[in-house]
PDB file of N, CA and C in Angstrom:
ATOM      1  N   MET A   1       6.325   9.459 -10.622  1.00  0.00           N
ATOM      2  CA  MET A   1       4.924   9.123 -10.714  1.00  0.00           C
ATOM      3  C   MET A   1       4.029  10.363 -10.623  1.00  0.00           C
ATOM      4  N   ILE A   2       4.464  11.362  -9.873  1.00  0.00           N
ATOM      5  CA  ILE A   2       3.647  12.552  -9.680  1.00  0.00           C
ATOM      6  C   ILE A   2       3.382  13.208 -11.034  1.00  0.00           C
ATOM      7  N   GLY A   3       2.101  13.508 -11.284  1.00  0.00           N
ATOM      8  CA  GLY A   3       1.689  14.096 -12.556  1.00  0.00           C
ATOM      9  C   GLY A   3       1.232  13.071 -13.578  1.00  0.00           C
ATOM     10  N   GLN A   4       1.538  11.798 -13.353  1.00  0.00           N
ATOM     11  CA  GLN A   4       1.124  10.744 -14.293  1.00  0.00           C
ATOM     12  C   GLN A   4      -0.341  10.385 -14.090  1.00  0.00           C
ATOM     13  N   THR A   5      -0.946   9.927 -15.178  1.00  0.00           N
ATOM     14  CA  THR A   5      -2.295   9.374 -15.108  1.00  0.00           C
ATOM     15  C   THR A   5      -2.184   7.882 -15.371  1.00  0.00           C
ATOM     16  N   ILE A   6      -2.649   7.099 -14.421  1.00  0.00           N
ATOM     17  CA  ILE A   6      -2.636   5.644 -14.524  1.00  0.00           C
ATOM     18  C   ILE A   6      -4.075   5.189 -14.467  1.00  0.00           C
ATOM     19  N   SER A   7      -4.512   4.526 -15.531  1.00  0.00           N
ATOM     20  CA  SER A   7      -5.912   4.161 -15.688  1.00  0.00           C
ATOM     21  C   SER A   7      -6.705   5.464 -15.649  1.00  0.00           C
ATOM     22  N   HIS A   8      -7.609   5.619 -14.705  1.00  0.00           N
ATOM     23  CA  HIS A   8      -8.367   6.868 -14.596  1.00  0.00           C
ATOM     24  C   HIS A   8      -8.039   7.607 -13.297  1.00  0.00           C
ATOM     25  N   TYR A   9      -6.775   7.464 -12.869  1.00  0.00           N
ATOM     26  CA  TYR A   9      -6.290   8.126 -11.662  1.00  0.00           C
ATOM     27  C   TYR A   9      -5.117   9.047 -11.996  1.00  0.00           C
ATOM     28  N   LYS A  10      -5.218  10.304 -11.602  1.00  0.00           N
ATOM     29  CA  LYS A  10      -4.133  11.266 -11.814  1.00  0.00           C
ATOM     30  C   LYS A  10      -3.409  11.451 -10.488  1.00  0.00           C
ATOM     31  N   ILE A  11      -2.133  11.080 -10.456  1.00  0.00           N
ATOM     32  CA  ILE A  11      -1.345  11.123  -9.229  1.00  0.00           C
ATOM     33  C   ILE A  11      -0.879  12.554  -8.958  1.00  0.00           C
ATOM     34  N   SER A  12      -1.108  13.010  -7.720  1.00  0.00           N
ATOM     35  CA  SER A  12      -0.780  14.394  -7.390  1.00  0.00           C
ATOM     36  C   SER A  12       0.365  14.553  -6.395  1.00  0.00           C
ATOM     37  N   GLU A  13       0.522  13.617  -5.464  1.00  0.00           N
ATOM     38  CA  GLU A  13       1.603  13.761  -4.491  1.00  0.00           C
ATOM     39  C   GLU A  13       1.930  12.434  -3.826  1.00  0.00           C
ATOM     40  N   LYS A  14       3.155  12.336  -3.323  1.00  0.00           N
ATOM     41  CA  LYS A  14       3.582  11.159  -2.584  1.00  0.00           C
ATOM     42  C   LYS A  14       3.211  11.363  -1.125  1.00  0.00           C
ATOM     43  N   LEU A  15       2.555  10.366  -0.538  1.00  0.00           N
ATOM     44  CA  LEU A  15       2.142  10.453   0.863  1.00  0.00           C
ATOM     45  C   LEU A  15       3.129   9.776   1.799  1.00  0.00           C
ATOM     46  N   GLY A  16       3.778   8.719   1.335  1.00  0.00           N
ATOM     47  CA  GLY A  16       4.722   8.013   2.184  1.00  0.00           C
ATOM     48  C   GLY A  16       5.158   6.708   1.570  1.00  0.00           C
ATOM     49  N   GLU A  17       6.089   6.060   2.247  1.00  0.00           N
ATOM     50  CA  GLU A  17       6.538   4.754   1.778  1.00  0.00           C
ATOM     51  C   GLU A  17       7.061   3.935   2.938  1.00  0.00           C
ATOM     52  N   GLY A  18       7.045   2.631   2.720  1.00  0.00           N
ATOM     53  CA  GLY A  18       7.525   1.696   3.726  1.00  0.00           C
ATOM     54  C   GLY A  18       8.036   0.448   3.037  1.00  0.00           C
ATOM     55  N   GLY A  19       8.227  -0.592   3.811  1.00  0.00           N
ATOM     56  CA  GLY A  19       8.785  -1.825   3.280  1.00  0.00           C
ATOM     57  C   GLY A  19       7.923  -2.506   2.235  1.00  0.00           C
ATOM     58  N   MET A  20       6.604  -2.330   2.316  1.00  0.00           N
ATOM     59  CA  MET A  20       5.710  -3.026   1.381  1.00  0.00           C
ATOM     60  C   MET A  20       5.018  -2.104   0.401  1.00  0.00           C
ATOM     61  N   GLY A  21       5.425  -0.839   0.319  1.00  0.00           N
ATOM     62  CA  GLY A  21       4.761  -0.013  -0.670  1.00  0.00           C
ATOM     63  C   GLY A  21       5.082   1.460  -0.608  1.00  0.00           C
ATOM     64  N   VAL A  22       4.730   2.108  -1.704  1.00  0.00           N
ATOM     65  CA  VAL A  22       4.813   3.554  -1.830  1.00  0.00           C
ATOM     66  C   VAL A  22       3.381   4.033  -2.058  1.00  0.00           C
ATOM     67  N   VAL A  23       2.939   5.019  -1.276  1.00  0.00           N
ATOM     68  CA  VAL A  23       1.560   5.476  -1.341  1.00  0.00           C
ATOM     69  C   VAL A  23       1.505   6.899  -1.885  1.00  0.00           C
ATOM     70  N   TYR A  24       0.609   7.083  -2.859  1.00  0.00           N
ATOM     71  CA  TYR A  24       0.413   8.380  -3.492  1.00  0.00           C
ATOM     72  C   TYR A  24      -1.034   8.822  -3.328  1.00  0.00           C
ATOM     73  N   LYS A  25      -1.229  10.124  -3.281  1.00  0.00           N
ATOM     74  CA  LYS A  25      -2.567  10.686  -3.368  1.00  0.00           C
ATOM     75  C   LYS A  25      -2.865  10.894  -4.837  1.00  0.00           C
ATOM     76  N   ALA A  26      -4.075  10.577  -5.247  1.00  0.00           N
ATOM     77  CA  ALA A  26      -4.465  10.721  -6.652  1.00  0.00           C
ATOM     78  C   ALA A  26      -5.913  11.165  -6.732  1.00  0.00           C
ATOM     79  N   ARG A  27      -6.313  11.558  -7.906  1.00  0.00           N
ATOM     80  CA  ARG A  27      -7.699  11.953  -8.163  1.00  0.00           C
ATOM     81  C   ARG A  27      -8.286  10.954  -9.127  1.00  0.00           C
ATOM     82  N   ASP A  28      -9.415  10.358  -8.747  1.00  0.00           N
ATOM     83  CA  ASP A  28     -10.178   9.505  -9.657  1.00  0.00           C
ATOM     84  C   ASP A  28     -10.865  10.461 -10.628  1.00  0.00           C
ATOM     85  N   ILE A  29     -10.405  10.475 -11.871  1.00  0.00           N
ATOM     86  CA  ILE A  29     -10.899  11.418 -12.866  1.00  0.00           C
ATOM     87  C   ILE A  29     -12.365  11.151 -13.194  1.00  0.00           C
ATOM     88  N   THR A  30     -12.768   9.899 -13.195  1.00  0.00           N
ATOM     89  CA  THR A  30     -14.139   9.535 -13.524  1.00  0.00           C
ATOM     90  C   THR A  30     -15.123  10.003 -12.457  1.00  0.00           C
ATOM     91  N   LEU A  31     -14.805   9.747 -11.192  1.00  0.00           N
ATOM     92  CA  LEU A  31     -15.710  10.084 -10.091  1.00  0.00           C
ATOM     93  C   LEU A  31     -15.388  11.424  -9.435  1.00  0.00           C
ATOM     94  N   ASP A  32     -14.274  12.042  -9.843  1.00  0.00           N
ATOM     95  CA  ASP A  32     -13.822  13.312  -9.269  1.00  0.00           C
ATOM     96  C   ASP A  32     -13.713  13.227  -7.751  1.00  0.00           C
ATOM     97  N   SER A  33     -12.959  12.227  -7.293  1.00  0.00           N
ATOM     98  CA  SER A  33     -12.758  12.062  -5.854  1.00  0.00           C
ATOM     99  C   SER A  33     -11.299  11.707  -5.575  1.00  0.00           C
ATOM    100  N   ALA A  34     -10.862  12.031  -4.360  1.00  0.00           N
ATOM    101  CA  ALA A  34      -9.493  11.728  -3.948  1.00  0.00           C
ATOM    102  C   ALA A  34      -9.390  10.260  -3.540  1.00  0.00           C
ATOM    103  N   VAL A  35      -8.269   9.639  -3.897  1.00  0.00           N
ATOM    104  CA  VAL A  35      -7.986   8.254  -3.514  1.00  0.00           C
ATOM    105  C   VAL A  35      -6.517   8.155  -3.117  1.00  0.00           C
ATOM    106  N   ALA A  36      -6.177   7.069  -2.458  1.00  0.00           N
ATOM    107  CA  ALA A  36      -4.788   6.738  -2.172  1.00  0.00           C
ATOM    108  C   ALA A  36      -4.432   5.520  -3.022  1.00  0.00           C
ATOM    109  N   MET A  37      -3.241   5.551  -3.604  1.00  0.00           N
ATOM    110  CA  MET A  37      -2.782   4.435  -4.434  1.00  0.00           C
ATOM    111  C   MET A  37      -1.499   3.880  -3.835  1.00  0.00           C
ATOM    112  N   LYS A  38      -1.509   2.603  -3.473  1.00  0.00           N
ATOM    113  CA  LYS A  38      -0.337   1.953  -2.893  1.00  0.00           C
ATOM    114  C   LYS A  38       0.281   1.047  -3.945  1.00  0.00           C
ATOM    115  N   PHE A  39       1.519   1.336  -4.299  1.00  0.00           N
ATOM    116  CA  PHE A  39       2.248   0.560  -5.291  1.00  0.00           C
ATOM    117  C   PHE A  39       3.265  -0.332  -4.613  1.00  0.00           C
ATOM    118  N   LEU A  40       3.360  -1.557  -5.085  1.00  0.00           N
ATOM    119  CA  LEU A  40       4.408  -2.458  -4.633  1.00  0.00           C
ATOM    120  C   LEU A  40       5.737  -1.875  -5.104  1.00  0.00           C
ATOM    121  N   PRO A  41       6.755  -1.750  -4.228  1.00  0.00           N
ATOM    122  CA  PRO A  41       8.033  -1.178  -4.656  1.00  0.00           C
ATOM    123  C   PRO A  41       8.659  -1.974  -5.799  1.00  0.00           C
ATOM    124  N   LEU A  42       9.367  -1.282  -6.667  1.00  0.00           N
ATOM    125  CA  LEU A  42       9.997  -1.935  -7.817  1.00  0.00           C
ATOM    126  C   LEU A  42      10.924  -3.070  -7.387  1.00  0.00           C
ATOM    127  N   SER A  43      11.537  -2.939  -6.223  1.00  0.00           N
ATOM    128  CA  SER A  43      12.446  -3.985  -5.743  1.00  0.00           C
ATOM    129  C   SER A  43      11.716  -5.292  -5.416  1.00  0.00           C
ATOM    130  N   LEU A  44      10.396  -5.217  -5.222  1.00  0.00           N
ATOM    131  CA  LEU A  44       9.621  -6.405  -4.863  1.00  0.00           C
ATOM    132  C   LEU A  44       8.733  -6.929  -5.992  1.00  0.00           C
ATOM    133  N   VAL A  45       8.678  -6.199  -7.097  1.00  0.00           N
ATOM    134  CA  VAL A  45       7.765  -6.540  -8.189  1.00  0.00           C
ATOM    135  C   VAL A  45       7.994  -7.953  -8.717  1.00  0.00           C
ATOM    136  N   LYS A  46       9.239  -8.380  -8.796  1.00  0.00           N
ATOM    137  CA  LYS A  46       9.537  -9.684  -9.385  1.00  0.00           C
ATOM    138  C   LYS A  46       9.401 -10.833  -8.391  1.00  0.00           C
ATOM    139  N   ASN A  47       9.190 -10.515  -7.119  1.00  0.00           N
ATOM    140  CA  ASN A  47       9.065 -11.531  -6.096  1.00  0.00           C
ATOM    141  C   ASN A  47       7.597 -11.958  -5.992  1.00  0.00           C
ATOM    142  N   GLU A  48       7.300 -13.164  -6.406  1.00  0.00           N
ATOM    143  CA  GLU A  48       5.909 -13.648  -6.430  1.00  0.00           C
ATOM    144  C   GLU A  48       5.296 -13.673  -5.035  1.00  0.00           C
ATOM    145  N   THR A  49       6.084 -13.975  -4.022  1.00  0.00           N
ATOM    146  CA  THR A  49       5.577 -13.994  -2.647  1.00  0.00           C
ATOM    147  C   THR A  49       5.071 -12.614  -2.245  1.00  0.00           C
ATOM    148  N   ASP A  50       5.814 -11.570  -2.589  1.00  0.00           N
ATOM    149  CA  ASP A  50       5.406 -10.212  -2.240  1.00  0.00           C
ATOM    150  C   ASP A  50       4.191  -9.772  -3.044  1.00  0.00           C
ATOM    151  N   ARG A  51       4.094 -10.200  -4.298  1.00  0.00           N
ATOM    152  CA  ARG A  51       2.918  -9.883  -5.109  1.00  0.00           C
ATOM    153  C   ARG A  51       1.673 -10.525  -4.501  1.00  0.00           C
ATOM    154  N   VAL A  52       1.808 -11.754  -4.027  1.00  0.00           N
ATOM    155  CA  VAL A  52       0.687 -12.454  -3.392  1.00  0.00           C
ATOM    156  C   VAL A  52       0.311 -11.768  -2.077  1.00  0.00           C
ATOM    157  N   ARG A  53       1.298 -11.321  -1.316  1.00  0.00           N
ATOM    158  CA  ARG A  53       1.019 -10.615  -0.055  1.00  0.00           C
ATOM    159  C   ARG A  53       0.225  -9.338  -0.285  1.00  0.00           C
ATOM    160  N   LEU A  54       0.552  -8.597  -1.346  1.00  0.00           N
ATOM    161  CA  LEU A  54      -0.187  -7.379  -1.653  1.00  0.00           C
ATOM    162  C   LEU A  54      -1.634  -7.706  -2.002  1.00  0.00           C
ATOM    163  N   LEU A  55      -1.843  -8.754  -2.771  1.00  0.00           N
ATOM    164  CA  LEU A  55      -3.196  -9.185  -3.123  1.00  0.00           C
ATOM    165  C   LEU A  55      -3.955  -9.625  -1.871  1.00  0.00           C
ATOM    166  N   GLN A  56      -3.297 -10.357  -0.981  1.00  0.00           N
ATOM    167  CA  GLN A  56      -3.936 -10.780   0.267  1.00  0.00           C
ATOM    168  C   GLN A  56      -4.311  -9.575   1.126  1.00  0.00           C
ATOM    169  N   GLU A  57      -3.424  -8.575   1.167  1.00  0.00           N
ATOM    170  CA  GLU A  57      -3.714  -7.353   1.931  1.00  0.00           C
ATOM    171  C   GLU A  57      -4.960  -6.669   1.388  1.00  0.00           C
ATOM    172  N   ALA A  58      -5.038  -6.555   0.068  1.00  0.00           N
ATOM    173  CA  ALA A  58      -6.191  -5.906  -0.560  1.00  0.00           C
ATOM    174  C   ALA A  58      -7.470  -6.699  -0.302  1.00  0.00           C
ATOM    175  N   ARG A  59      -7.391  -8.004  -0.434  1.00  0.00           N
ATOM    176  CA  ARG A  59      -8.572  -8.847  -0.197  1.00  0.00           C
ATOM    177  C   ARG A  59      -9.039  -8.758   1.246  1.00  0.00           C
ATOM    178  N   ALA A  60      -8.099  -8.817   2.185  1.00  0.00           N
ATOM    179  CA  ALA A  60      -8.458  -8.759   3.600  1.00  0.00           C
ATOM    180  C   ALA A  60      -9.103  -7.417   3.931  1.00  0.00           C
ATOM    181  N   ALA A  61      -8.502  -6.330   3.487  1.00  0.00           N
ATOM    182  CA  ALA A  61      -9.050  -5.005   3.778  1.00  0.00           C
ATOM    183  C   ALA A  61     -10.410  -4.807   3.116  1.00  0.00           C
ATOM    184  N   SER A  62     -10.598  -5.386   1.938  1.00  0.00           N
ATOM    185  CA  SER A  62     -11.870  -5.199   1.236  1.00  0.00           C
ATOM    186  C   SER A  62     -13.021  -5.934   1.922  1.00  0.00           C
ATOM    187  N   GLN A  63     -12.707  -6.896   2.771  1.00  0.00           N
ATOM    188  CA  GLN A  63     -13.741  -7.652   3.486  1.00  0.00           C
ATOM    189  C   GLN A  63     -14.172  -6.967   4.779  1.00  0.00           C
ATOM    190  N   LEU A  64     -13.414  -5.949   5.189  1.00  0.00           N
ATOM    191  CA  LEU A  64     -13.696  -5.283   6.455  1.00  0.00           C
ATOM    192  C   LEU A  64     -14.511  -4.015   6.251  1.00  0.00           C
ATOM    193  N   ASN A  65     -15.352  -3.739   7.222  1.00  0.00           N
ATOM    194  CA  ASN A  65     -16.124  -2.505   7.228  1.00  0.00           C
ATOM    195  C   ASN A  65     -16.024  -1.933   8.635  1.00  0.00           C
ATOM    196  N   HIS A  66     -15.051  -1.031   8.797  1.00  0.00           N
ATOM    197  CA  HIS A  66     -14.778  -0.477  10.115  1.00  0.00           C
ATOM    198  C   HIS A  66     -14.237   0.937   9.945  1.00  0.00           C
ATOM    199  N   PRO A  67     -14.587   1.860  10.836  1.00  0.00           N
ATOM    200  CA  PRO A  67     -14.133   3.247  10.703  1.00  0.00           C
ATOM    201  C   PRO A  67     -12.609   3.408  10.704  1.00  0.00           C
ATOM    202  N   ASN A  68     -11.878   2.437  11.268  1.00  0.00           N
ATOM    203  CA  ASN A  68     -10.415   2.528  11.336  1.00  0.00           C
ATOM    204  C   ASN A  68      -9.703   1.769  10.228  1.00  0.00           C
ATOM    205  N   VAL A  69     -10.451   1.280   9.255  1.00  0.00           N
ATOM    206  CA  VAL A  69      -9.865   0.556   8.123  1.00  0.00           C
ATOM    207  C   VAL A  69     -10.349   1.235   6.842  1.00  0.00           C
ATOM    208  N   CYS A  70      -9.402   1.609   5.977  1.00  0.00           N
ATOM    209  CA  CYS A  70      -9.801   2.306   4.752  1.00  0.00           C
ATOM    210  C   CYS A  70     -10.474   1.339   3.775  1.00  0.00           C
ATOM    211  N   VAL A  71     -11.349   1.882   2.957  1.00  0.00           N
ATOM    212  CA  VAL A  71     -12.080   1.109   1.950  1.00  0.00           C
ATOM    213  C   VAL A  71     -11.161   0.853   0.758  1.00  0.00           C
ATOM    214  N   VAL A  72     -11.115  -0.385   0.293  1.00  0.00           N
ATOM    215  CA  VAL A  72     -10.350  -0.731  -0.903  1.00  0.00           C
ATOM    216  C   VAL A  72     -11.291  -0.663  -2.099  1.00  0.00           C
ATOM    217  N   HIS A  73     -10.911   0.133  -3.108  1.00  0.00           N
ATOM    218  CA  HIS A  73     -11.734   0.286  -4.302  1.00  0.00           C
ATOM    219  C   HIS A  73     -11.366  -0.732  -5.381  1.00  0.00           C
ATOM    220  N   GLU A  74     -10.074  -0.979  -5.550  1.00  0.00           N
ATOM    221  CA  GLU A  74      -9.657  -1.968  -6.550  1.00  0.00           C
ATOM    222  C   GLU A  74      -8.185  -2.305  -6.381  1.00  0.00           C
ATOM    223  N   ILE A  75      -7.800  -3.413  -6.997  1.00  0.00           N
ATOM    224  CA  ILE A  75      -6.396  -3.769  -7.135  1.00  0.00           C
ATOM    225  C   ILE A  75      -6.173  -3.960  -8.616  1.00  0.00           C
ATOM    226  N   ALA A  76      -5.071  -3.408  -9.105  1.00  0.00           N
ATOM    227  CA  ALA A  76      -4.807  -3.453 -10.544  1.00  0.00           C
ATOM    228  C   ALA A  76      -3.303  -3.519 -10.778  1.00  0.00           C
ATOM    229  N   GLU A  77      -2.933  -3.474 -12.034  1.00  0.00           N
ATOM    230  CA  GLU A  77      -1.529  -3.544 -12.412  1.00  0.00           C
ATOM    231  C   GLU A  77      -1.258  -2.539 -13.522  1.00  0.00           C
ATOM    232  N   TYR A  78      -0.103  -1.900 -13.456  1.00  0.00           N
ATOM    233  CA  TYR A  78       0.324  -0.937 -14.461  1.00  0.00           C
ATOM    234  C   TYR A  78       1.798  -1.175 -14.735  1.00  0.00           C
ATOM    235  N   GLN A  79       2.131  -1.493 -15.976  1.00  0.00           N
ATOM    236  CA  GLN A  79       3.511  -1.769 -16.385  1.00  0.00           C
ATOM    237  C   GLN A  79       4.185  -2.759 -15.427  1.00  0.00           C
ATOM    238  N   ASN A  80       3.528  -3.875 -15.201  1.00  0.00           N
ATOM    239  CA  ASN A  80       4.007  -4.964 -14.336  1.00  0.00           C
ATOM    240  C   ASN A  80       4.175  -4.569 -12.877  1.00  0.00           C
ATOM    241  N   GLN A  81       3.536  -3.487 -12.449  1.00  0.00           N
ATOM    242  CA  GLN A  81       3.612  -3.057 -11.057  1.00  0.00           C
ATOM    243  C   GLN A  81       2.205  -3.048 -10.467  1.00  0.00           C
ATOM    244  N   GLN A  82       1.993  -3.894  -9.462  1.00  0.00           N
ATOM    245  CA  GLN A  82       0.675  -3.978  -8.832  1.00  0.00           C
ATOM    246  C   GLN A  82       0.425  -2.767  -7.947  1.00  0.00           C
ATOM    247  N   PHE A  83      -0.857  -2.383  -7.842  1.00  0.00           N
ATOM    248  CA  PHE A  83      -1.224  -1.312  -6.925  1.00  0.00           C
ATOM    249  C   PHE A  83      -2.627  -1.524  -6.398  1.00  0.00           C
ATOM    250  N   ILE A  84      -2.854  -0.959  -5.217  1.00  0.00           N
ATOM    251  CA  ILE A  84      -4.167  -0.974  -4.567  1.00  0.00           C
ATOM    252  C   ILE A  84      -4.692   0.456  -4.584  1.00  0.00           C
ATOM    253  N   VAL A  85      -5.950   0.621  -4.969  1.00  0.00           N
ATOM    254  CA  VAL A  85      -6.600   1.928  -4.900  1.00  0.00           C
ATOM    255  C   VAL A  85      -7.547   1.872  -3.709  1.00  0.00           C
ATOM    256  N   MET A  86      -7.365   2.822  -2.797  1.00  0.00           N
ATOM    257  CA  MET A  86      -8.168   2.816  -1.588  1.00  0.00           C
ATOM    258  C   MET A  86      -8.619   4.215  -1.209  1.00  0.00           C
ATOM    259  N   GLU A  87      -9.498   4.244  -0.254  1.00  0.00           N
ATOM    260  CA  GLU A  87     -10.025   5.491   0.279  1.00  0.00           C
ATOM    261  C   GLU A  87      -8.875   6.385   0.743  1.00  0.00           C
ATOM    262  N   TYR A  88      -8.962   7.666   0.411  1.00  0.00           N
ATOM    263  CA  TYR A  88      -8.005   8.643   0.921  1.00  0.00           C
ATOM    264  C   TYR A  88      -8.607   9.282   2.164  1.00  0.00           C
ATOM    265  N   VAL A  89      -7.860   9.249   3.253  1.00  0.00           N
ATOM    266  CA  VAL A  89      -8.319   9.839   4.506  1.00  0.00           C
ATOM    267  C   VAL A  89      -7.386  10.995   4.843  1.00  0.00           C
ATOM    268  N   ALA A  90      -7.913  12.202   4.826  1.00  0.00           N
ATOM    269  CA  ALA A  90      -7.113  13.388   5.133  1.00  0.00           C
ATOM    270  C   ALA A  90      -6.884  13.485   6.635  1.00  0.00           C
ATOM    271  N   GLY A  91      -5.769  14.066   7.004  1.00  0.00           N
ATOM    272  CA  GLY A  91      -5.495  14.281   8.418  1.00  0.00           C
ATOM    273  C   GLY A  91      -4.036  14.116   8.730  1.00  0.00           C
ATOM    274  N   GLU A  92      -3.746  13.998  10.005  1.00  0.00           N
ATOM    275  CA  GLU A  92      -2.372  13.848  10.465  1.00  0.00           C
ATOM    276  C   GLU A  92      -1.825  12.469  10.143  1.00  0.00           C
ATOM    277  N   THR A  93      -0.526  12.399   9.957  1.00  0.00           N
ATOM    278  CA  THR A  93       0.117  11.097   9.792  1.00  0.00           C
ATOM    279  C   THR A  93       0.284  10.457  11.164  1.00  0.00           C
ATOM    280  N   LEU A  94       0.459   9.172  11.184  1.00  0.00           N
ATOM    281  CA  LEU A  94       0.690   8.476  12.449  1.00  0.00           C
ATOM    282  C   LEU A  94       1.968   8.976  13.095  1.00  0.00           C
ATOM    283  N   GLY A  95       2.994   9.221  12.267  1.00  0.00           N
ATOM    284  CA  GLY A  95       4.258   9.725  12.789  1.00  0.00           C
ATOM    285  C   GLY A  95       4.116  11.052  13.510  1.00  0.00           C
ATOM    286  N   SER A  96       3.311  11.966  12.960  1.00  0.00           N
ATOM    287  CA  SER A  96       3.133  13.259  13.623  1.00  0.00           C
ATOM    288  C   SER A  96       2.267  13.135  14.866  1.00  0.00           C
ATOM    289  N   LYS A  97       1.385  12.171  14.874  1.00  0.00           N
ATOM    290  CA  LYS A  97       0.520  11.935  16.028  1.00  0.00           C
ATOM    291  C   LYS A  97       1.321  11.398  17.213  1.00  0.00           C
ATOM    292  N   ILE A  98       2.281  10.543  16.913  1.00  0.00           N
ATOM    293  CA  ILE A  98       3.105   9.937  17.973  1.00  0.00           C
ATOM    294  C   ILE A  98       4.064  10.978  18.519  1.00  0.00           C
TER     295      ILE A  98
END
């Protein structure tokens, strides 16, 4: 994914991954700003329950306005793979903090 442009986002680096997603840092080419893009893992793409969970996560986060919750910009799909575009917050990872 690194180096690819998806919609108007150019992916620059992988930030991390977990059970429900892989997160990349990207640049919004239109607005010239950094964003984080969370993709549903390929192993879960065909599972409708997991696709719905990702949509619910995006909807729930988009309803919140709190300094400890990142802003959701959009949810979209690319080649049958759903992703959430959200605020990129620079700093330490939770793992390094712990």
